[in-house]
Amino acid sequence: MCLSTLNPHPHSSPAVRKTSSTSRPGRLRARLWKDRYLLLLGLPGIAYFLIYRYVPMAGLYMAFIDYSPFQGIAGSEWVGWKHFARIFEDPEIVQVLWNTLSISFLQIVFAFPIPIVLALMLNELRNQIYKRIVQSVIYLPHFLSWVVVIGICTIFLKGNGVVNDLLKQGFGLAQPVPFLTDPSYFKPIVILQVIWKEAGWGTILFLAALAGVNPQLYEAATMDGAGRFRQMWHITLPAIRNTIVILLILRLGHVMDAGYEQIFLMLNPFNMEIGNILDTYVFFKGIGQSDYSFATAVGLFKGAVGLVLVLSANYIAKKLGDDGVF
């Protein structure tokens, strides 16, 4: 009698098992219903990535066939790695790869640290009104298209432009400086354009990271006799180190993208040799000549290189003690 009282049903009935098995889906439905507004808010972003990022991946199949618009994807001949081999058989590709990598690494070396420096400088300002005005002024160029930026640059740097007029009046130069046609000026101008357009926008990310620094750390450092520079070196920079590492890793993933719109608008017959990058090379060789399979193969090659760089940089960052991207 005691045994039956303690355990009247030694084996769970089917109804009990059914209730326990359906409890988890029930909790999931309740959680989804509770967060329904957040999920609806995220639907546009999810739809964007599905439509413009994941669905087009089906087109990567074109890299392995001799695609013909008349035969379609199903009727085109399978050629395997033929188009990938063509990437390295073209004698022009060596110069194109060098141009792409050199411009990308120059942007990392010179353009990437500028937002960090600006964020540190703005963080030291105590006048909040002046700080907001400066911040607004420096990130406004981000909202200009590259067509407008290149147009402004052309007006300033052409033979009878503002810069040459100032050089002529101030230094007495007899001949205008060929900023737009001399290949030696191409890369410095490209880097300066990137800095002017994007440095202020990148500063917002580092200022957001700096907003989370505990003010008591600065107060304690002041009491210990640390000046502004030492506070910046020992408190501010370590506080944004993880943000710097993550953004650098993400930037390395785009090392094969030197900026198609900007470079394409800056190209002319005089600087084509030093300014032609992978994106413009694909446009001229692939899209311009209707060689869609080759253009797809180059795009897939760029993506693979970017993936390897991101994984490698993330692995190194974790080995050095940082969080990394994932």
Protein backbone atom coordinates (compact mmCIF):
# COMPACT_ATOMS: atom_id res chain seq x y z
CA MET A 1 0.00 0.00 0.00
CA CYS A 2 2.81 2.29 0.79
CA LEU A 3 4.51 1.52 -2.47
CA SER A 4 1.38 2.27 -4.42
CA THR A 5 0.97 5.53 -2.56
CA LEU A 6 4.53 6.66 -3.19
CA ASN A 7 4.54 5.65 -6.82
CA PRO A 8 1.03 4.97 -8.03
CA HIS A 9 2.07 5.18 -11.67
CA PRO A 10 5.58 3.79 -12.11
CA HIS A 11 5.43 4.45 -15.84
CA SER A 12 4.23 7.75 -17.21
CA SER A 13 1.01 7.55 -19.12
CA PRO A 14 0.92 8.52 -22.84
CA ALA A 15 -0.93 11.70 -21.96
CA VAL A 16 1.83 12.78 -19.58
CA ARG A 17 4.55 11.99 -22.12
CA LYS A 18 2.67 13.94 -24.74
CA THR A 19 2.35 16.93 -22.45
CA SER A 20 6.08 16.93 -21.64
CA SER A 21 7.04 16.56 -25.30
CA THR A 22 4.90 19.47 -26.36
CA SER A 23 5.95 21.79 -23.56
CA ARG A 24 9.08 22.96 -25.34
CA PRO A 25 7.32 23.94 -28.62
CA GLY A 26 4.71 25.64 -26.48
CA ARG A 27 7.34 27.69 -24.72
CA LEU A 28 8.87 28.55 -28.09
CA ARG A 29 5.53 29.77 -29.44
CA ALA A 30 5.00 31.82 -26.30
CA ARG A 31 8.45 33.36 -26.64
CA LEU A 32 7.86 34.20 -30.30
CA TRP A 33 4.50 35.77 -29.50
CA LYS A 34 6.04 37.79 -26.68
CA ASP A 35 8.77 39.15 -28.96
CA ARG A 36 6.52 39.54 -32.00
CA TYR A 37 7.12 43.27 -32.35
CA LEU A 38 10.90 42.87 -32.22
CA LEU A 39 10.68 40.12 -34.83
CA LEU A 40 8.55 42.32 -37.07
CA LEU A 41 11.09 45.10 -36.64
CA GLY A 42 13.84 42.78 -37.81
CA LEU A 43 11.95 41.42 -40.83
CA PRO A 44 13.14 44.11 -43.31
CA GLY A 45 16.77 43.38 -42.45
CA ILE A 46 16.23 39.63 -42.71
CA ALA A 47 14.46 40.07 -46.06
CA TYR A 48 17.31 42.26 -47.34
CA PHE A 49 19.95 39.64 -46.60
CA LEU A 50 17.83 36.82 -48.00
CA ILE A 51 16.99 38.59 -51.25
CA TYR A 52 20.24 40.46 -51.97
CA ARG A 53 22.86 38.28 -50.24
CA TYR A 54 21.77 34.64 -50.15
CA VAL A 55 19.50 34.17 -53.17
CA PRO A 56 22.12 35.58 -55.63
CA MET A 57 24.57 32.91 -54.42
CA ALA A 58 22.79 30.52 -56.77
CA GLY A 59 24.38 32.49 -59.61
CA LEU A 60 27.85 31.34 -58.52
CA TYR A 61 27.17 28.25 -60.62
CA MET A 62 27.95 30.45 -63.65
CA ALA A 63 31.64 30.45 -62.64
CA PHE A 64 31.88 26.76 -63.56
CA ILE A 65 30.12 26.89 -66.96
CA ASP A 66 30.53 28.72 -70.25
CA TYR A 67 27.39 30.75 -69.72
CA SER A 68 25.49 31.88 -72.77
CA PRO A 69 22.39 34.09 -72.47
CA PHE A 70 20.88 32.22 -75.43
CA GLN A 71 21.36 28.74 -73.93
CA GLY A 72 20.69 29.67 -70.34
CA ILE A 73 22.33 28.24 -67.24
CA ALA A 74 20.90 24.75 -67.74
CA GLY A 75 22.00 24.55 -71.38
CA SER A 76 25.51 25.99 -70.97
CA GLU A 77 28.55 23.70 -71.04
CA TRP A 78 30.22 22.68 -67.76
CA VAL A 79 33.91 23.70 -67.79
CA GLY A 80 34.92 23.28 -64.14
CA TRP A 81 37.89 25.42 -63.08
CA LYS A 82 38.56 26.87 -66.54
CA HIS A 83 37.62 30.46 -65.68
CA PHE A 84 39.58 30.38 -62.41
CA ALA A 85 42.66 29.34 -64.36
CA ARG A 86 42.10 32.27 -66.73
CA ILE A 87 42.43 34.66 -63.79
CA PHE A 88 46.11 33.78 -63.48
CA GLU A 89 46.82 33.23 -67.18
CA ASP A 90 46.11 36.82 -68.18
CA PRO A 91 49.42 38.78 -68.03
CA GLU A 92 47.52 41.89 -66.93
CA ILE A 93 46.22 40.22 -63.76
CA VAL A 94 49.52 40.59 -61.89
CA GLN A 95 49.44 44.38 -62.22
CA VAL A 96 45.72 44.44 -61.40
CA LEU A 97 46.21 42.39 -58.23
CA TRP A 98 49.12 44.60 -57.17
CA ASN A 99 47.03 47.73 -57.73
CA THR A 100 44.15 46.30 -55.71
CA LEU A 101 46.25 45.11 -52.79
CA SER A 102 48.41 48.23 -52.65
CA ILE A 103 45.41 50.60 -52.58
CA SER A 104 43.63 48.45 -49.97
CA PHE A 105 46.63 48.25 -47.65
CA LEU A 106 47.32 51.97 -48.05
CA GLN A 107 43.74 52.58 -46.93
CA ILE A 108 44.28 50.32 -43.91
CA VAL A 109 47.57 52.00 -42.98
CA PHE A 110 46.50 55.62 -43.47
CA ALA A 111 42.69 55.79 -43.54
CA PHE A 112 41.83 53.23 -40.85
CA PRO A 113 43.63 54.97 -37.93
CA ILE A 114 42.17 58.42 -38.67
CA PRO A 115 38.74 57.71 -37.08
CA ILE A 116 40.52 56.44 -33.96
CA VAL A 117 42.56 59.65 -33.72
CA LEU A 118 39.47 61.81 -34.29
CA ALA A 119 37.51 59.89 -31.65
CA LEU A 120 40.30 60.35 -29.11
CA MET A 121 40.49 64.08 -29.88
CA LEU A 122 36.73 64.58 -29.69
CA ASN A 123 36.61 62.60 -26.45
CA GLU A 124 38.96 65.13 -24.87
CA LEU A 125 36.70 68.09 -25.68
CA ARG A 126 34.74 69.36 -22.70
CA ASN A 127 32.53 71.84 -24.57
CA GLN A 128 29.67 69.59 -25.66
CA ILE A 129 28.17 72.10 -28.12
CA TYR A 130 31.47 72.55 -29.94
CA LYS A 131 32.00 68.77 -29.84
CA ARG A 132 28.64 68.10 -31.52
CA ILE A 133 29.26 70.74 -34.20
CA VAL A 134 32.68 69.32 -35.07
CA GLN A 135 31.33 65.77 -35.11
CA SER A 136 28.47 66.75 -37.44
CA VAL A 137 30.81 68.59 -39.81
CA ILE A 138 33.29 65.73 -40.16
CA TYR A 139 30.73 62.98 -40.82
CA LEU A 140 28.57 64.93 -43.31
CA PRO A 141 30.78 63.96 -46.32
CA HIS A 142 29.76 60.33 -45.76
CA PHE A 143 26.31 61.14 -47.17
CA LEU A 144 27.76 62.42 -50.45
CA SER A 145 27.92 59.94 -53.32
CA TRP A 146 31.26 59.15 -54.94
CA VAL A 147 30.04 60.93 -58.09
CA VAL A 148 29.78 64.18 -56.13
CA VAL A 149 33.10 63.61 -54.34
CA ILE A 150 34.98 62.91 -57.58
CA GLY A 151 33.29 65.92 -59.20
CA ILE A 152 34.45 68.21 -56.38
CA CYS A 153 37.94 66.71 -56.57
CA THR A 154 38.10 67.25 -60.33
CA ILE A 155 37.03 70.89 -60.00
CA PHE A 156 39.73 71.54 -57.40
CA LEU A 157 42.58 69.58 -59.03
CA LYS A 158 42.17 70.17 -62.76
CA GLY A 159 44.69 72.26 -64.67
CA ASN A 160 42.87 75.54 -64.14
CA GLY A 161 41.34 74.50 -60.83
CA VAL A 162 41.50 76.08 -57.40
CA VAL A 163 44.60 74.22 -56.22
CA ASN A 164 46.67 75.06 -59.30
CA ASP A 165 45.57 78.68 -59.10
CA LEU A 166 46.74 78.85 -55.47
CA LEU A 167 50.05 77.21 -56.37
CA LYS A 168 50.52 79.62 -59.25
CA GLN A 169 49.78 82.72 -57.19
CA GLY A 170 51.52 81.59 -54.01
CA PHE A 171 54.60 79.85 -55.41
CA GLY A 172 54.78 81.27 -58.93
CA LEU A 173 54.54 77.93 -60.74
CA ALA A 174 54.71 78.42 -64.49
CA GLN A 175 52.95 75.16 -65.40
CA PRO A 176 49.96 73.62 -63.62
CA VAL A 177 50.54 70.37 -61.73
CA PRO A 178 48.89 67.43 -63.55
CA PHE A 179 47.16 65.96 -60.50
CA LEU A 180 44.56 64.04 -62.53
CA THR A 181 46.80 62.74 -65.32
CA ASP A 182 50.10 62.01 -63.57
CA PRO A 183 49.99 58.37 -62.32
CA SER A 184 52.18 59.22 -59.30
CA TYR A 185 49.35 61.33 -57.82
CA PHE A 186 46.63 58.72 -58.30
CA LYS A 187 47.00 56.66 -55.10
CA PRO A 188 47.60 59.63 -52.74
CA ILE A 189 44.48 61.35 -54.11
CA VAL A 190 42.42 58.16 -53.69
CA ILE A 191 43.53 57.73 -50.07
CA LEU A 192 42.82 61.40 -49.25
CA GLN A 193 39.36 61.08 -50.76
CA VAL A 194 38.59 58.05 -48.59
CA ILE A 195 39.83 59.85 -45.47
CA TRP A 196 37.79 62.96 -46.19
CA LYS A 197 34.60 61.03 -46.97
CA GLU A 198 34.61 58.19 -44.42
CA ALA A 199 36.78 59.22 -41.46
CA GLY A 200 34.01 61.14 -39.69
CA TRP A 201 31.51 58.32 -40.07
CA GLY A 202 33.94 55.78 -38.64
CA THR A 203 34.53 58.08 -35.68
CA ILE A 204 30.94 57.46 -34.49
CA LEU A 205 31.70 53.79 -33.78
CA PHE A 206 34.69 54.61 -31.58
CA LEU A 207 32.85 57.41 -29.79
CA ALA A 208 30.07 54.94 -29.00
CA ALA A 209 32.66 52.56 -27.53
CA LEU A 210 34.18 55.40 -25.50
CA ALA A 211 30.77 56.28 -24.06
CA GLY A 212 30.86 53.05 -22.08
CA VAL A 213 34.09 53.85 -20.24
CA ASN A 214 33.57 54.26 -16.50
CA PRO A 215 34.28 57.93 -15.55
CA GLN A 216 35.58 56.76 -12.17
CA LEU A 217 38.63 55.36 -13.96
CA TYR A 218 39.60 58.86 -15.09
CA GLU A 219 38.93 60.26 -11.62
CA ALA A 220 41.14 57.63 -10.03
CA ALA A 221 43.87 58.26 -12.60
CA THR A 222 43.69 62.01 -11.93
CA MET A 223 44.06 61.41 -8.21
CA ASP A 224 47.13 59.28 -8.91
CA GLY A 225 48.68 62.16 -10.84
CA ALA A 226 48.12 60.87 -14.41
CA GLY A 227 47.86 63.60 -17.05
CA ARG A 228 45.51 63.67 -20.01
CA PHE A 229 47.92 61.85 -22.31
CA ARG A 230 48.59 59.04 -19.83
CA GLN A 231 44.85 58.68 -19.21
CA MET A 232 44.32 58.37 -22.95
CA TRP A 233 47.09 55.78 -23.27
CA HIS A 234 46.19 53.63 -20.25
CA ILE A 235 42.38 54.01 -20.08
CA THR A 236 40.87 55.25 -23.34
CA LEU A 237 42.82 53.15 -25.84
CA PRO A 238 42.44 49.86 -23.91
CA ALA A 239 38.70 50.56 -23.64
CA ILE A 240 38.28 50.59 -27.43
CA ARG A 241 40.88 47.94 -28.26
CA ASN A 242 38.30 45.21 -28.92
CA THR A 243 36.35 47.56 -31.20
CA ILE A 244 39.53 48.37 -33.13
CA VAL A 245 40.38 44.69 -33.54
CA ILE A 246 36.88 43.74 -34.73
CA LEU A 247 36.71 46.56 -37.28
CA LEU A 248 40.21 45.73 -38.52
CA ILE A 249 39.25 42.09 -39.01
CA LEU A 250 36.13 43.10 -40.93
CA ARG A 251 38.19 45.52 -43.03
CA LEU A 252 40.63 42.75 -43.95
CA GLY A 253 37.69 40.84 -45.39
CA HIS A 254 37.32 43.60 -48.00
CA VAL A 255 41.00 43.82 -48.89
CA MET A 256 40.19 42.74 -52.46
CA ASP A 257 37.63 45.56 -52.72
CA ALA A 258 39.48 48.81 -53.25
CA GLY A 259 36.32 50.77 -54.06
CA TYR A 260 34.82 50.21 -57.50
CA GLU A 261 32.82 53.44 -57.85
CA GLN A 262 35.63 55.69 -56.67
CA ILE A 263 38.33 54.05 -58.80
CA PHE A 264 36.14 53.79 -61.89
CA LEU A 265 35.34 57.50 -61.77
CA MET A 266 39.00 58.39 -61.24
CA LEU A 267 40.34 56.29 -64.12
CA ASN A 268 41.52 57.85 -67.38
CA PRO A 269 43.92 56.70 -70.13
CA PHE A 270 46.87 58.24 -68.29
CA ASN A 271 46.48 56.40 -64.97
CA MET A 272 44.84 53.18 -66.20
CA GLU A 273 47.96 51.08 -65.65
CA ILE A 274 48.35 52.03 -61.99
CA GLY A 275 44.65 52.48 -61.18
CA ASN A 276 42.99 49.45 -62.76
CA ILE A 277 41.85 47.18 -59.89
CA LEU A 278 40.02 43.84 -59.80
CA ASP A 279 36.55 45.39 -59.84
CA THR A 280 37.25 47.60 -62.86
CA TYR A 281 39.15 44.72 -64.49
CA VAL A 282 36.03 42.56 -64.17
CA PHE A 283 33.91 45.34 -65.63
CA PHE A 284 36.13 45.87 -68.66
CA LYS A 285 37.01 42.21 -69.30
CA GLY A 286 33.89 40.48 -68.03
CA ILE A 287 30.84 42.72 -68.18
CA GLY A 288 32.07 44.90 -71.08
CA GLN A 289 32.78 41.84 -73.23
CA SER A 290 29.73 39.87 -71.96
CA ASP A 291 31.98 37.25 -70.37
CA TYR A 292 29.68 36.68 -67.40
CA SER A 293 31.25 33.39 -66.30
CA PHE A 294 34.68 34.96 -65.97
CA ALA A 295 33.27 37.90 -64.03
CA THR A 296 31.52 35.46 -61.65
CA ALA A 297 34.73 33.48 -61.19
CA VAL A 298 36.66 36.62 -60.24
CA GLY A 299 33.94 37.60 -57.77
CA LEU A 300 34.01 34.15 -56.17
CA PHE A 301 37.81 34.30 -56.01
CA LYS A 302 37.63 37.67 -54.23
CA GLY A 303 35.12 36.31 -51.74
CA ALA A 304 37.28 33.27 -50.99
CA VAL A 305 40.36 35.43 -50.37
CA GLY A 306 38.34 37.72 -48.08
CA LEU A 307 37.00 34.73 -46.11
CA VAL A 308 40.51 33.34 -45.59
CA LEU A 309 41.79 36.72 -44.41
CA VAL A 310 38.90 37.18 -41.96
CA LEU A 311 39.33 33.67 -40.50
CA SER A 312 43.10 34.13 -40.20
CA ALA A 313 42.85 37.55 -38.58
CA ASN A 314 40.15 36.32 -36.19
CA TYR A 315 42.31 33.34 -35.20
CA ILE A 316 45.34 35.56 -34.56
CA ALA A 317 43.24 38.03 -32.55
CA LYS A 318 41.97 35.24 -30.28
CA LYS A 319 45.49 33.92 -29.80
CA LEU A 320 46.57 37.39 -28.70
CA GLY A 321 43.78 37.52 -26.10
CA ASP A 322 41.12 39.59 -27.89
CA ASP A 323 37.52 38.55 -28.46
CA GLY A 324 37.53 38.57 -32.23
CA VAL A 325 34.42 38.61 -34.41
CA PHE A 326 33.20 35.10 -33.54
